[in-house]
């Protein structure tokens, strides 16, 4: 469940744990992870749009 909780924190669904240590490198790592998750979700939306929705209108 730790992975799902971390993804929920990256997507701003759940608040981060206040007792966790906060270092500069952890902030960089979480920022990069957040960017990669958003890009992955964007790519999924584009793929679904191109493969499912656009053929319906042709």
N, C-alpha and C. Protein backbone atom coordinates (compact mmCIF):
# COMPACT_ATOMS: atom_id res chain seq x y z
N UNK A 1 0.81 -1.21 0.00
CA UNK A 1 0.00 0.00 0.00
C UNK A 1 0.85 1.26 0.00
N UNK A 2 2.12 1.14 0.28
CA UNK A 2 2.98 2.30 0.31
C UNK A 2 3.12 2.96 -1.05
N UNK A 3 3.16 2.14 -2.11
CA UNK A 3 3.31 2.69 -3.46
C UNK A 3 2.06 3.46 -3.86
N UNK A 4 0.90 2.91 -3.58
CA UNK A 4 -0.34 3.60 -3.93
C UNK A 4 -0.50 4.91 -3.14
N UNK A 5 -0.08 4.90 -1.89
CA UNK A 5 -0.15 6.12 -1.09
C UNK A 5 0.79 7.18 -1.65
N UNK A 6 1.99 6.77 -2.10
CA UNK A 6 2.94 7.71 -2.65
C UNK A 6 2.43 8.30 -3.96
N UNK A 7 1.83 7.48 -4.81
CA UNK A 7 1.25 7.98 -6.05
C UNK A 7 0.12 8.96 -5.75
N UNK A 8 -0.69 8.66 -4.75
CA UNK A 8 -1.78 9.58 -4.37
C UNK A 8 -1.21 10.91 -3.90
N UNK A 9 -0.08 10.89 -3.20
CA UNK A 9 0.55 12.15 -2.79
C UNK A 9 1.08 12.91 -3.99
N UNK A 10 1.66 12.21 -4.98
CA UNK A 10 2.18 12.87 -6.17
C UNK A 10 1.07 13.54 -6.96
N UNK A 11 -0.09 12.91 -7.01
CA UNK A 11 -1.21 13.44 -7.77
C UNK A 11 -2.07 14.40 -6.95
N UNK A 12 -1.60 14.76 -5.78
CA UNK A 12 -2.29 15.70 -4.88
C UNK A 12 -3.65 15.20 -4.42
N UNK A 13 -3.81 13.86 -4.34
CA UNK A 13 -5.05 13.29 -3.84
C UNK A 13 -4.99 13.16 -2.33
N UNK A 14 -3.83 12.89 -1.80
CA UNK A 14 -3.64 12.70 -0.37
C UNK A 14 -2.55 13.63 0.12
N UNK A 15 -2.69 14.13 1.34
CA UNK A 15 -1.68 15.02 1.90
C UNK A 15 -0.44 14.22 2.30
N UNK A 16 0.76 14.80 2.15
CA UNK A 16 1.97 14.07 2.53
C UNK A 16 2.07 13.88 4.04
N UNK A 17 2.82 12.86 4.42
CA UNK A 17 3.03 12.54 5.83
C UNK A 17 3.92 13.61 6.46
N UNK A 18 3.44 14.33 7.49
CA UNK A 18 4.24 15.41 8.08
C UNK A 18 5.44 14.91 8.88
N UNK A 19 5.44 13.66 9.30
CA UNK A 19 6.56 13.16 10.12
C UNK A 19 7.74 12.68 9.28
N UNK A 20 7.58 12.64 7.95
CA UNK A 20 8.65 12.18 7.08
C UNK A 20 9.72 13.26 6.96
N UNK A 21 10.98 12.85 6.90
CA UNK A 21 12.07 13.81 6.76
C UNK A 21 12.02 14.47 5.40
N UNK A 22 12.42 15.73 5.34
CA UNK A 22 12.38 16.48 4.08
C UNK A 22 13.78 17.02 3.81
N UNK A 23 14.45 16.42 2.84
CA UNK A 23 15.75 16.90 2.41
C UNK A 23 15.61 17.47 1.01
N UNK A 24 16.61 18.22 0.59
CA UNK A 24 16.55 18.83 -0.73
C UNK A 24 16.52 17.77 -1.83
N UNK A 25 17.30 16.70 -1.65
CA UNK A 25 17.34 15.65 -2.68
C UNK A 25 16.01 14.90 -2.77
N UNK A 26 15.34 14.72 -1.66
CA UNK A 26 14.03 14.07 -1.69
C UNK A 26 13.02 14.94 -2.44
N UNK A 27 13.11 16.26 -2.26
CA UNK A 27 12.22 17.16 -2.99
C UNK A 27 12.45 17.05 -4.49
N UNK A 28 13.73 16.97 -4.90
CA UNK A 28 14.04 16.82 -6.32
C UNK A 28 13.49 15.50 -6.86
N UNK A 29 13.69 14.43 -6.10
CA UNK A 29 13.24 13.12 -6.54
C UNK A 29 11.72 13.08 -6.67
N UNK A 30 11.02 13.62 -5.68
CA UNK A 30 9.56 13.61 -5.74
C UNK A 30 9.05 14.51 -6.87
N UNK A 31 9.74 15.60 -7.13
CA UNK A 31 9.35 16.46 -8.24
C UNK A 31 9.49 15.76 -9.58
N UNK A 32 10.59 15.05 -9.78
CA UNK A 32 10.80 14.30 -11.02
C UNK A 32 9.78 13.18 -11.14
N UNK A 33 9.49 12.48 -10.05
CA UNK A 33 8.48 11.43 -10.07
C UNK A 33 7.11 11.99 -10.42
N UNK A 34 6.78 13.15 -9.87
CA UNK A 34 5.50 13.78 -10.15
C UNK A 34 5.38 14.13 -11.63
N UNK A 35 6.45 14.68 -12.20
CA UNK A 35 6.45 15.03 -13.62
C UNK A 35 6.27 13.78 -14.47
N UNK A 36 6.98 12.70 -14.12
CA UNK A 36 6.89 11.48 -14.92
C UNK A 36 5.49 10.86 -14.85
N UNK A 37 4.84 10.91 -13.70
CA UNK A 37 3.49 10.37 -13.59
C UNK A 37 2.51 11.20 -14.42
N UNK A 38 2.63 12.53 -14.37
CA UNK A 38 1.75 13.37 -15.18
C UNK A 38 1.97 13.15 -16.67
N UNK A 39 3.22 12.99 -17.10
CA UNK A 39 3.49 12.72 -18.51
C UNK A 39 2.93 11.37 -18.93
N UNK A 40 3.05 10.37 -18.06
CA UNK A 40 2.50 9.05 -18.36
C UNK A 40 0.99 9.12 -18.51
N UNK A 41 0.30 9.81 -17.61
CA UNK A 41 -1.15 9.94 -17.71
C UNK A 41 -1.56 10.71 -18.96
N UNK A 42 -0.81 11.73 -19.31
CA UNK A 42 -1.07 12.49 -20.53
C UNK A 42 -0.91 11.60 -21.76
N UNK A 43 0.15 10.78 -21.77
CA UNK A 43 0.37 9.86 -22.90
C UNK A 43 -0.76 8.84 -23.00
N UNK A 44 -1.25 8.33 -21.87
CA UNK A 44 -2.38 7.40 -21.91
C UNK A 44 -3.62 8.06 -22.51
N UNK A 45 -3.87 9.29 -22.15
CA UNK A 45 -5.02 10.01 -22.69
C UNK A 45 -4.88 10.19 -24.19
N UNK A 46 -3.67 10.53 -24.65
CA UNK A 46 -3.45 10.71 -26.09
C UNK A 46 -3.63 9.39 -26.82
N UNK A 47 -3.09 8.30 -26.28
CA UNK A 47 -3.22 6.99 -26.93
C UNK A 47 -4.68 6.56 -26.99
N UNK A 48 -5.41 6.72 -25.91
CA UNK A 48 -6.83 6.35 -25.91
C UNK A 48 -7.60 7.19 -26.91
N UNK A 49 -7.27 8.47 -26.98
CA UNK A 49 -7.95 9.35 -27.92
C UNK A 49 -7.68 8.92 -29.36
N UNK A 50 -6.43 8.61 -29.67
CA UNK A 50 -6.08 8.25 -31.05
C UNK A 50 -6.60 6.87 -31.43
N UNK A 51 -6.63 5.93 -30.52
CA UNK A 51 -7.02 4.57 -30.86
C UNK A 51 -8.51 4.30 -30.72
N UNK A 52 -9.19 5.03 -29.85
CA UNK A 52 -10.60 4.71 -29.57
C UNK A 52 -11.52 5.82 -30.06
N UNK A 53 -11.26 7.03 -29.69
CA UNK A 53 -12.22 8.10 -29.96
C UNK A 53 -12.16 8.59 -31.41
N UNK A 54 -10.97 8.82 -31.96
CA UNK A 54 -10.88 9.34 -33.33
C UNK A 54 -11.43 8.37 -34.37
N UNK A 55 -11.20 7.05 -34.26
CA UNK A 55 -11.82 6.16 -35.26
C UNK A 55 -13.35 6.18 -35.25
N UNK A 56 -13.96 6.56 -34.15
CA UNK A 56 -15.42 6.63 -34.11
C UNK A 56 -15.96 7.76 -34.97
N UNK A 57 -15.16 8.81 -35.20
CA UNK A 57 -15.61 9.96 -35.97
C UNK A 57 -15.22 9.87 -37.44
N UNK A 58 -14.52 8.82 -37.84
CA UNK A 58 -14.11 8.71 -39.25
C UNK A 58 -15.15 8.02 -40.06
